[in-house]
Amino acid sequence: MGKIYVVSTPIGNLSDITLRALETLESVDIIACEDTRHTLQLLNHFEIKKPLVSYHQHSKIGKIEQIISSILEGKNVAVVTDAGTPGISDPGEILIREAIKNEIEVEPIPGVSAAITALSISGLPTDEFIFIGFLPHKKGRQTKLKELATLNRTIILYESPFRIIKLLNELLEFVGDRQVAVSRELTKKFEETYRGKISEVLPNIKEKGEFVVILEGK
C-alpha cells in the first residue's frame, strides 16, 4: 500500500515553498491537484515532472475512488490545492477523509496557510480564534452572520473579490462596527492589509485578489 502526502504550497510567492514540499513532490508517483493548469505552473517553475490527476468540489466519487485505488495498489500520492494547505476550505478534505477510511497513512507536509498568515499580522488577539472560511452564499448566510455576532474570539473569514464589499457591509449590519484586518493578495507584489473599524476600512477596499478578513470577537 502507498501513502498520501498532504502538501502545502505557496499562496502567492513561490519562494515560500518548503524544501520538504519540493522533495515530496519530486518523490511521489502521482500529484492530485485542484486545478492541473495551476499546479503545472508551480511544477514547471521548480522543474518537476509528475503525472497529475485533478480533483475538485464537483468531482464525482469515481475520481476520488480512482485516486484511492492507486494508493491501495502501492502508489504514493501528493495532494495539493491551488494555494495553501489542502483540506482547509478546500475539496482535499474529501480525499483525505476517504484515505483515512481506507486506513491509508496520511502524512502532512506543512507550509503556508492564508488564515494564519493574515492572523499573524492582524494586530488582533491570537490566543483564541475561530476559523470560519467562506460563508454560505445564500442558504444559511444570515444565520451564520448572526452566529458570528455572538462569538467572543477572533474570527477568520475568507472572501472573493466579487463579494468582499457585500461581506463587510453585512458584518457592519450584523456584528457592529468592530475592528478588522482585511488582507488581500498575501505574499504577492500588491499585498495590502487594511486595519481599523469596518466603517473605516470599507472605503479603501480594492475589489481585486483573494481576501482574508480577521474580525474582532464580541
C-alpha atoms as a PDB file:
ATOM      1  CA  MET A   1       0.000   0.000   0.000  1.00  0.00           C
ATOM      2  CA  GLY A   2       1.159   3.500  -0.807  1.00  0.00           C
ATOM      3  CA  LYS A   3       0.672   6.615   1.208  1.00  0.00           C
ATOM      4  CA  ILE A   4      -0.849  10.070   0.808  1.00  0.00           C
ATOM      5  CA  TYR A   5       1.060  13.268   1.494  1.00  0.00           C
ATOM      6  CA  VAL A   6      -0.861  16.469   2.232  1.00  0.00           C
ATOM      7  CA  VAL A   7       1.470  19.100   0.772  1.00  0.00           C
ATOM      8  CA  SER A   8       1.127  22.814   1.474  1.00  0.00           C
ATOM      9  CA  THR A   9       2.067  25.080  -1.434  1.00  0.00           C
ATOM     10  CA  PRO A  10       2.642  28.857  -1.658  1.00  0.00           C
ATOM     11  CA  ILE A  11      -0.323  31.225  -1.506  1.00  0.00           C
ATOM     12  CA  GLY A  12       1.433  33.660  -3.834  1.00  0.00           C
ATOM     13  CA  ASN A  13       5.196  33.997  -3.566  1.00  0.00           C
ATOM     14  CA  LEU A  14       6.738  30.775  -4.917  1.00  0.00           C
ATOM     15  CA  SER A  15       9.784  31.262  -2.677  1.00  0.00           C
ATOM     16  CA  ASP A  16       7.583  30.315   0.275  1.00  0.00           C
ATOM     17  CA  ILE A  17       7.576  26.634  -0.708  1.00  0.00           C
ATOM     18  CA  THR A  18       9.500  24.409   1.716  1.00  0.00           C
ATOM     19  CA  LEU A  19      12.412  22.133   0.860  1.00  0.00           C
ATOM     20  CA  ARG A  20      10.414  19.210   2.233  1.00  0.00           C
ATOM     21  CA  ALA A  21       7.468  20.036  -0.044  1.00  0.00           C
ATOM     22  CA  LEU A  22       9.770  20.034  -3.072  1.00  0.00           C
ATOM     23  CA  GLU A  23      11.373  16.743  -2.011  1.00  0.00           C
ATOM     24  CA  THR A  24       7.934  15.184  -1.572  1.00  0.00           C
ATOM     25  CA  LEU A  25       6.611  16.382  -4.941  1.00  0.00           C
ATOM     26  CA  GLU A  26       9.781  15.002  -6.562  1.00  0.00           C
ATOM     27  CA  SER A  27       9.416  11.594  -4.885  1.00  0.00           C
ATOM     28  CA  VAL A  28       5.707  10.702  -5.272  1.00  0.00           C
ATOM     29  CA  ASP A  29       4.183   8.761  -8.158  1.00  0.00           C
ATOM     30  CA  ILE A  30       1.117  10.975  -8.670  1.00  0.00           C
ATOM     31  CA  ILE A  31       0.083  14.507  -7.692  1.00  0.00           C
ATOM     32  CA  ALA A  32      -3.629  15.023  -7.032  1.00  0.00           C
ATOM     33  CA  CYS A  33      -4.487  18.684  -7.518  1.00  0.00           C
ATOM     34  CA  GLU A  34      -7.454  21.026  -7.582  1.00  0.00           C
ATOM     35  CA  ASP A  35      -6.560  22.540 -10.975  1.00  0.00           C
ATOM     36  CA  THR A  36      -3.955  20.821 -13.169  1.00  0.00           C
ATOM     37  CA  ARG A  37      -3.134  24.048 -15.042  1.00  0.00           C
ATOM     38  CA  HIS A  38      -2.388  25.928 -11.827  1.00  0.00           C
ATOM     39  CA  THR A  39      -0.292  23.123 -10.340  1.00  0.00           C
ATOM     40  CA  LEU A  40       1.580  22.671 -13.617  1.00  0.00           C
ATOM     41  CA  GLN A  41       2.798  26.271 -13.359  1.00  0.00           C
ATOM     42  CA  LEU A  42       4.223  25.514  -9.911  1.00  0.00           C
ATOM     43  CA  LEU A  43       5.851  22.264 -11.041  1.00  0.00           C
ATOM     44  CA  ASN A  44       7.324  23.846 -14.159  1.00  0.00           C
ATOM     45  CA  HIS A  45       8.856  26.619 -12.064  1.00  0.00           C
ATOM     46  CA  PHE A  46      10.717  24.036  -9.991  1.00  0.00           C
ATOM     47  CA  GLU A  47      11.331  21.708 -12.962  1.00  0.00           C
ATOM     48  CA  ILE A  48       9.311  18.833 -11.509  1.00  0.00           C
ATOM     49  CA  LYS A  49       7.604  16.429 -13.894  1.00  0.00           C
ATOM     50  CA  LYS A  50       4.933  14.131 -12.449  1.00  0.00           C
ATOM     51  CA  PRO A  51       1.575  12.721 -13.592  1.00  0.00           C
ATOM     52  CA  LEU A  52      -1.292  14.942 -12.449  1.00  0.00           C
ATOM     53  CA  VAL A  53      -4.849  13.951 -11.639  1.00  0.00           C
ATOM     54  CA  SER A  54      -7.474  16.583 -10.860  1.00  0.00           C
ATOM     55  CA  TYR A  55      -9.986  16.587  -8.030  1.00  0.00           C
ATOM     56  CA  HIS A  56     -12.265  19.472  -7.077  1.00  0.00           C
ATOM     57  CA  GLN A  57     -15.551  20.201  -5.323  1.00  0.00           C
ATOM     58  CA  HIS A  58     -17.557  18.957  -8.327  1.00  0.00           C
ATOM     59  CA  SER A  59     -15.560  15.757  -8.804  1.00  0.00           C
ATOM     60  CA  LYS A  60     -17.627  12.607  -8.937  1.00  0.00           C
ATOM     61  CA  ILE A  61     -16.959   9.931  -6.329  1.00  0.00           C
ATOM     62  CA  GLY A  62     -15.411   7.818  -9.086  1.00  0.00           C
ATOM     63  CA  LYS A  63     -12.500  10.272  -9.368  1.00  0.00           C
ATOM     64  CA  ILE A  64     -11.826  10.038  -5.630  1.00  0.00           C
ATOM     65  CA  GLU A  65     -12.076   6.239  -5.779  1.00  0.00           C
ATOM     66  CA  GLN A  66      -9.578   6.207  -8.656  1.00  0.00           C
ATOM     67  CA  ILE A  67      -7.012   8.095  -6.553  1.00  0.00           C
ATOM     68  CA  ILE A  68      -7.642   5.861  -3.527  1.00  0.00           C
ATOM     69  CA  SER A  69      -7.272   2.739  -5.694  1.00  0.00           C
ATOM     70  CA  SER A  70      -3.909   3.968  -6.937  1.00  0.00           C
ATOM     71  CA  ILE A  71      -2.680   4.305  -3.354  1.00  0.00           C
ATOM     72  CA  LEU A  72      -4.028   0.875  -2.374  1.00  0.00           C
ATOM     73  CA  GLU A  73      -2.109  -0.544  -5.346  1.00  0.00           C
ATOM     74  CA  GLY A  74       1.146   0.879  -3.952  1.00  0.00           C
ATOM     75  CA  LYS A  75       1.372   4.360  -5.464  1.00  0.00           C
ATOM     76  CA  ASN A  76       2.423   7.323  -3.324  1.00  0.00           C
ATOM     77  CA  VAL A  77       0.210  10.368  -3.908  1.00  0.00           C
ATOM     78  CA  ALA A  78       0.753  14.014  -3.004  1.00  0.00           C
ATOM     79  CA  VAL A  79      -2.399  16.074  -2.643  1.00  0.00           C
ATOM     80  CA  VAL A  80      -2.098  19.821  -3.240  1.00  0.00           C
ATOM     81  CA  THR A  81      -4.522  22.700  -3.524  1.00  0.00           C
ATOM     82  CA  ASP A  82      -4.240  25.769  -5.752  1.00  0.00           C
ATOM     83  CA  ALA A  83      -2.719  27.728  -2.863  1.00  0.00           C
ATOM     84  CA  GLY A  84      -2.012  26.993   0.786  1.00  0.00           C
ATOM     85  CA  THR A  85      -2.853  23.901   2.802  1.00  0.00           C
ATOM     86  CA  PRO A  86      -5.094  21.182   1.307  1.00  0.00           C
ATOM     87  CA  GLY A  87      -8.286  20.426   3.201  1.00  0.00           C
ATOM     88  CA  ILE A  88      -8.704  23.939   4.626  1.00  0.00           C
ATOM     89  CA  SER A  89     -11.775  25.380   2.848  1.00  0.00           C
ATOM     90  CA  ASP A  90     -10.737  23.049   0.061  1.00  0.00           C
ATOM     91  CA  PRO A  91     -12.101  19.853  -1.578  1.00  0.00           C
ATOM     92  CA  GLY A  92      -8.961  17.978  -0.488  1.00  0.00           C
ATOM     93  CA  GLU A  93     -10.881  17.378   2.729  1.00  0.00           C
ATOM     94  CA  ILE A  94     -12.990  14.715   0.962  1.00  0.00           C
ATOM     95  CA  LEU A  95      -9.977  12.889  -0.450  1.00  0.00           C
ATOM     96  CA  ILE A  96      -8.179  12.916   2.908  1.00  0.00           C
ATOM     97  CA  ARG A  97     -11.282  11.586   4.675  1.00  0.00           C
ATOM     98  CA  GLU A  98     -11.571   8.720   2.184  1.00  0.00           C
ATOM     99  CA  ALA A  99      -7.899   7.868   2.640  1.00  0.00           C
ATOM    100  CA  ILE A 100      -8.381   7.628   6.411  1.00  0.00           C
ATOM    101  CA  LYS A 101     -11.467   5.421   5.926  1.00  0.00           C
ATOM    102  CA  ASN A 102      -9.295   3.074   3.845  1.00  0.00           C
ATOM    103  CA  GLU A 103      -6.613   3.009   6.567  1.00  0.00           C
ATOM    104  CA  ILE A 104      -4.126   4.739   4.287  1.00  0.00           C
ATOM    105  CA  GLU A 105      -1.329   6.575   6.079  1.00  0.00           C
ATOM    106  CA  VAL A 106      -1.720  10.352   5.757  1.00  0.00           C
ATOM    107  CA  GLU A 107       1.408  12.457   6.247  1.00  0.00           C
ATOM    108  CA  PRO A 108       1.279  16.262   6.479  1.00  0.00           C
ATOM    109  CA  ILE A 109       3.925  18.375   4.749  1.00  0.00           C
ATOM    110  CA  PRO A 110       3.277  21.706   6.478  1.00  0.00           C
ATOM    111  CA  GLY A 111       3.680  25.140   5.000  1.00  0.00           C
ATOM    112  CA  VAL A 112       1.745  28.298   4.264  1.00  0.00           C
ATOM    113  CA  SER A 113      -1.864  28.916   5.292  1.00  0.00           C
ATOM    114  CA  ALA A 114      -3.555  32.169   4.299  1.00  0.00           C
ATOM    115  CA  ALA A 115      -5.605  32.153   7.522  1.00  0.00           C
ATOM    116  CA  ILE A 116      -2.603  32.008   9.864  1.00  0.00           C
ATOM    117  CA  THR A 117      -0.543  34.363   7.687  1.00  0.00           C
ATOM    118  CA  ALA A 118      -3.255  37.035   7.880  1.00  0.00           C
ATOM    119  CA  LEU A 119      -3.892  36.445  11.598  1.00  0.00           C
ATOM    120  CA  SER A 120      -0.202  36.886  12.405  1.00  0.00           C
ATOM    121  CA  ILE A 121      -0.170  40.469  11.043  1.00  0.00           C
ATOM    122  CA  SER A 122      -3.692  41.482  12.075  1.00  0.00           C
ATOM    123  CA  GLY A 123      -2.872  43.066  15.414  1.00  0.00           C
ATOM    124  CA  LEU A 124      -5.960  41.353  16.861  1.00  0.00           C
ATOM    125  CA  PRO A 125      -5.833  38.764  19.688  1.00  0.00           C
ATOM    126  CA  THR A 126      -4.301  35.447  18.615  1.00  0.00           C
ATOM    127  CA  ASP A 127      -4.595  33.452  21.844  1.00  0.00           C
ATOM    128  CA  GLU A 128      -8.081  32.262  20.867  1.00  0.00           C
ATOM    129  CA  PHE A 129      -9.531  32.336  17.369  1.00  0.00           C
ATOM    130  CA  ILE A 130     -12.095  30.531  15.237  1.00  0.00           C
ATOM    131  CA  PHE A 131     -11.712  29.757  11.529  1.00  0.00           C
ATOM    132  CA  ILE A 132     -14.954  30.083   9.545  1.00  0.00           C
ATOM    133  CA  GLY A 133     -13.654  30.231   5.962  1.00  0.00           C
ATOM    134  CA  PHE A 134     -16.220  31.177   3.311  1.00  0.00           C
ATOM    135  CA  LEU A 135     -19.751  31.974   4.462  1.00  0.00           C
ATOM    136  CA  PRO A 136     -22.624  30.269   2.595  1.00  0.00           C
ATOM    137  CA  HIS A 137     -23.606  32.311  -0.460  1.00  0.00           C
ATOM    138  CA  LYS A 138     -27.354  32.062   0.117  1.00  0.00           C
ATOM    139  CA  LYS A 139     -28.996  29.447   2.342  1.00  0.00           C
ATOM    140  CA  GLY A 140     -27.934  29.850   5.950  1.00  0.00           C
ATOM    141  CA  ARG A 141     -25.887  33.006   5.364  1.00  0.00           C
ATOM    142  CA  GLN A 142     -27.896  35.261   7.693  1.00  0.00           C
ATOM    143  CA  THR A 143     -27.973  32.562  10.369  1.00  0.00           C
ATOM    144  CA  LYS A 144     -24.186  32.337  10.190  1.00  0.00           C
ATOM    145  CA  LEU A 145     -23.802  36.121  10.362  1.00  0.00           C
ATOM    146  CA  LYS A 146     -25.982  36.239  13.477  1.00  0.00           C
ATOM    147  CA  GLU A 147     -23.857  33.487  14.993  1.00  0.00           C
ATOM    148  CA  LEU A 148     -20.674  35.493  14.330  1.00  0.00           C
ATOM    149  CA  ALA A 149     -22.112  38.344  16.400  1.00  0.00           C
ATOM    150  CA  THR A 150     -22.130  36.095  19.491  1.00  0.00           C
ATOM    151  CA  LEU A 151     -18.565  34.766  19.255  1.00  0.00           C
ATOM    152  CA  ASN A 152     -16.065  36.174  21.757  1.00  0.00           C
ATOM    153  CA  ARG A 153     -12.933  35.025  19.903  1.00  0.00           C
ATOM    154  CA  THR A 154     -11.094  36.477  16.932  1.00  0.00           C
ATOM    155  CA  ILE A 155     -12.827  35.293  13.741  1.00  0.00           C
ATOM    156  CA  ILE A 156     -11.123  34.347  10.444  1.00  0.00           C
ATOM    157  CA  LEU A 157     -13.105  34.570   7.197  1.00  0.00           C
ATOM    158  CA  TYR A 158     -12.237  34.070   3.522  1.00  0.00           C
ATOM    159  CA  GLU A 159     -13.855  36.056   0.719  1.00  0.00           C
ATOM    160  CA  SER A 160     -13.570  36.561  -3.026  1.00  0.00           C
ATOM    161  CA  PRO A 161     -13.068  39.981  -4.665  1.00  0.00           C
ATOM    162  CA  PHE A 162     -16.635  39.792  -6.003  1.00  0.00           C
ATOM    163  CA  ARG A 163     -18.244  39.595  -2.547  1.00  0.00           C
ATOM    164  CA  ILE A 164     -15.826  41.404  -0.218  1.00  0.00           C
ATOM    165  CA  ILE A 165     -17.806  44.677  -0.142  1.00  0.00           C
ATOM    166  CA  LYS A 166     -21.039  42.773   0.456  1.00  0.00           C
ATOM    167  CA  LEU A 167     -19.426  40.793   3.293  1.00  0.00           C
ATOM    168  CA  LEU A 168     -18.060  43.852   5.068  1.00  0.00           C
ATOM    169  CA  ASN A 169     -21.420  45.637   4.819  1.00  0.00           C
ATOM    170  CA  GLU A 170     -23.154  42.556   6.228  1.00  0.00           C
ATOM    171  CA  LEU A 171     -20.650  42.352   9.086  1.00  0.00           C
ATOM    172  CA  LEU A 172     -21.285  46.021   9.845  1.00  0.00           C
ATOM    173  CA  GLU A 173     -25.021  45.284   9.983  1.00  0.00           C
ATOM    174  CA  PHE A 174     -24.930  42.036  11.959  1.00  0.00           C
ATOM    175  CA  VAL A 175     -21.934  42.359  14.319  1.00  0.00           C
ATOM    176  CA  GLY A 176     -21.500  46.130  14.532  1.00  0.00           C
ATOM    177  CA  ASP A 177     -18.581  48.415  13.755  1.00  0.00           C
ATOM    178  CA  ARG A 178     -15.792  46.210  15.102  1.00  0.00           C
ATOM    179  CA  GLN A 179     -12.068  46.210  14.465  1.00  0.00           C
ATOM    180  CA  VAL A 180     -10.954  44.234  11.401  1.00  0.00           C
ATOM    181  CA  ALA A 181      -7.794  43.488   9.473  1.00  0.00           C
ATOM    182  CA  VAL A 182      -8.546  42.801   5.814  1.00  0.00           C
ATOM    183  CA  SER A 183      -5.650  41.319   3.830  1.00  0.00           C
ATOM    184  CA  ARG A 184      -5.562  40.931   0.055  1.00  0.00           C
ATOM    185  CA  GLU A 185      -3.029  39.340  -2.297  1.00  0.00           C
ATOM    186  CA  LEU A 186      -0.995  37.953   0.616  1.00  0.00           C
ATOM    187  CA  THR A 187       2.706  37.352  -0.235  1.00  0.00           C
ATOM    188  CA  LYS A 188       2.191  38.795  -3.746  1.00  0.00           C
ATOM    189  CA  LYS A 189       3.514  42.007  -5.294  1.00  0.00           C
ATOM    190  CA  PHE A 190       0.446  44.097  -4.454  1.00  0.00           C
ATOM    191  CA  GLU A 191      -0.159  42.679  -0.965  1.00  0.00           C
ATOM    192  CA  GLU A 192      -2.127  45.036   1.279  1.00  0.00           C
ATOM    193  CA  THR A 193      -3.695  44.899   4.730  1.00  0.00           C
ATOM    194  CA  TYR A 194      -6.358  47.380   5.836  1.00  0.00           C
ATOM    195  CA  ARG A 195      -6.821  47.783   9.596  1.00  0.00           C
ATOM    196  CA  GLY A 196      -9.387  49.713  11.616  1.00  0.00           C
ATOM    197  CA  LYS A 197     -13.122  49.766  12.218  1.00  0.00           C
ATOM    198  CA  ILE A 198     -15.200  48.137   9.479  1.00  0.00           C
ATOM    199  CA  SER A 199     -16.604  51.553   8.513  1.00  0.00           C
ATOM    200  CA  GLU A 200     -13.053  52.940   8.188  1.00  0.00           C
ATOM    201  CA  VAL A 201     -11.772  50.035   6.102  1.00  0.00           C
ATOM    202  CA  LEU A 202     -14.698  49.775   3.655  1.00  0.00           C
ATOM    203  CA  PRO A 203     -13.933  52.883   1.539  1.00  0.00           C
ATOM    204  CA  ASN A 204     -10.352  51.710   0.921  1.00  0.00           C
ATOM    205  CA  ILE A 205     -11.086  48.196  -0.344  1.00  0.00           C
ATOM    206  CA  LYS A 206      -9.950  47.333  -3.864  1.00  0.00           C
ATOM    207  CA  GLU A 207     -12.021  44.530  -5.338  1.00  0.00           C
ATOM    208  CA  LYS A 208      -9.055  42.563  -6.653  1.00  0.00           C
ATOM    209  CA  GLY A 209      -7.402  39.406  -5.343  1.00  0.00           C
ATOM    210  CA  GLU A 210      -8.424  36.928  -2.681  1.00  0.00           C
ATOM    211  CA  PHE A 211      -9.229  38.277   0.781  1.00  0.00           C
ATOM    212  CA  VAL A 212      -8.766  37.135   4.376  1.00  0.00           C
ATOM    213  CA  VAL A 213     -10.851  39.028   6.947  1.00  0.00           C
ATOM    214  CA  ILE A 214      -9.765  38.935  10.590  1.00  0.00           C
ATOM    215  CA  LEU A 215     -12.654  40.154  12.749  1.00  0.00           C
ATOM    216  CA  GLU A 216     -12.580  41.236  16.374  1.00  0.00           C
ATOM    217  CA  GLY A 217     -14.604  38.988  18.690  1.00  0.00           C
ATOM    218  CA  LYS A 218     -17.539  40.152  20.785  1.00  0.00           C
END
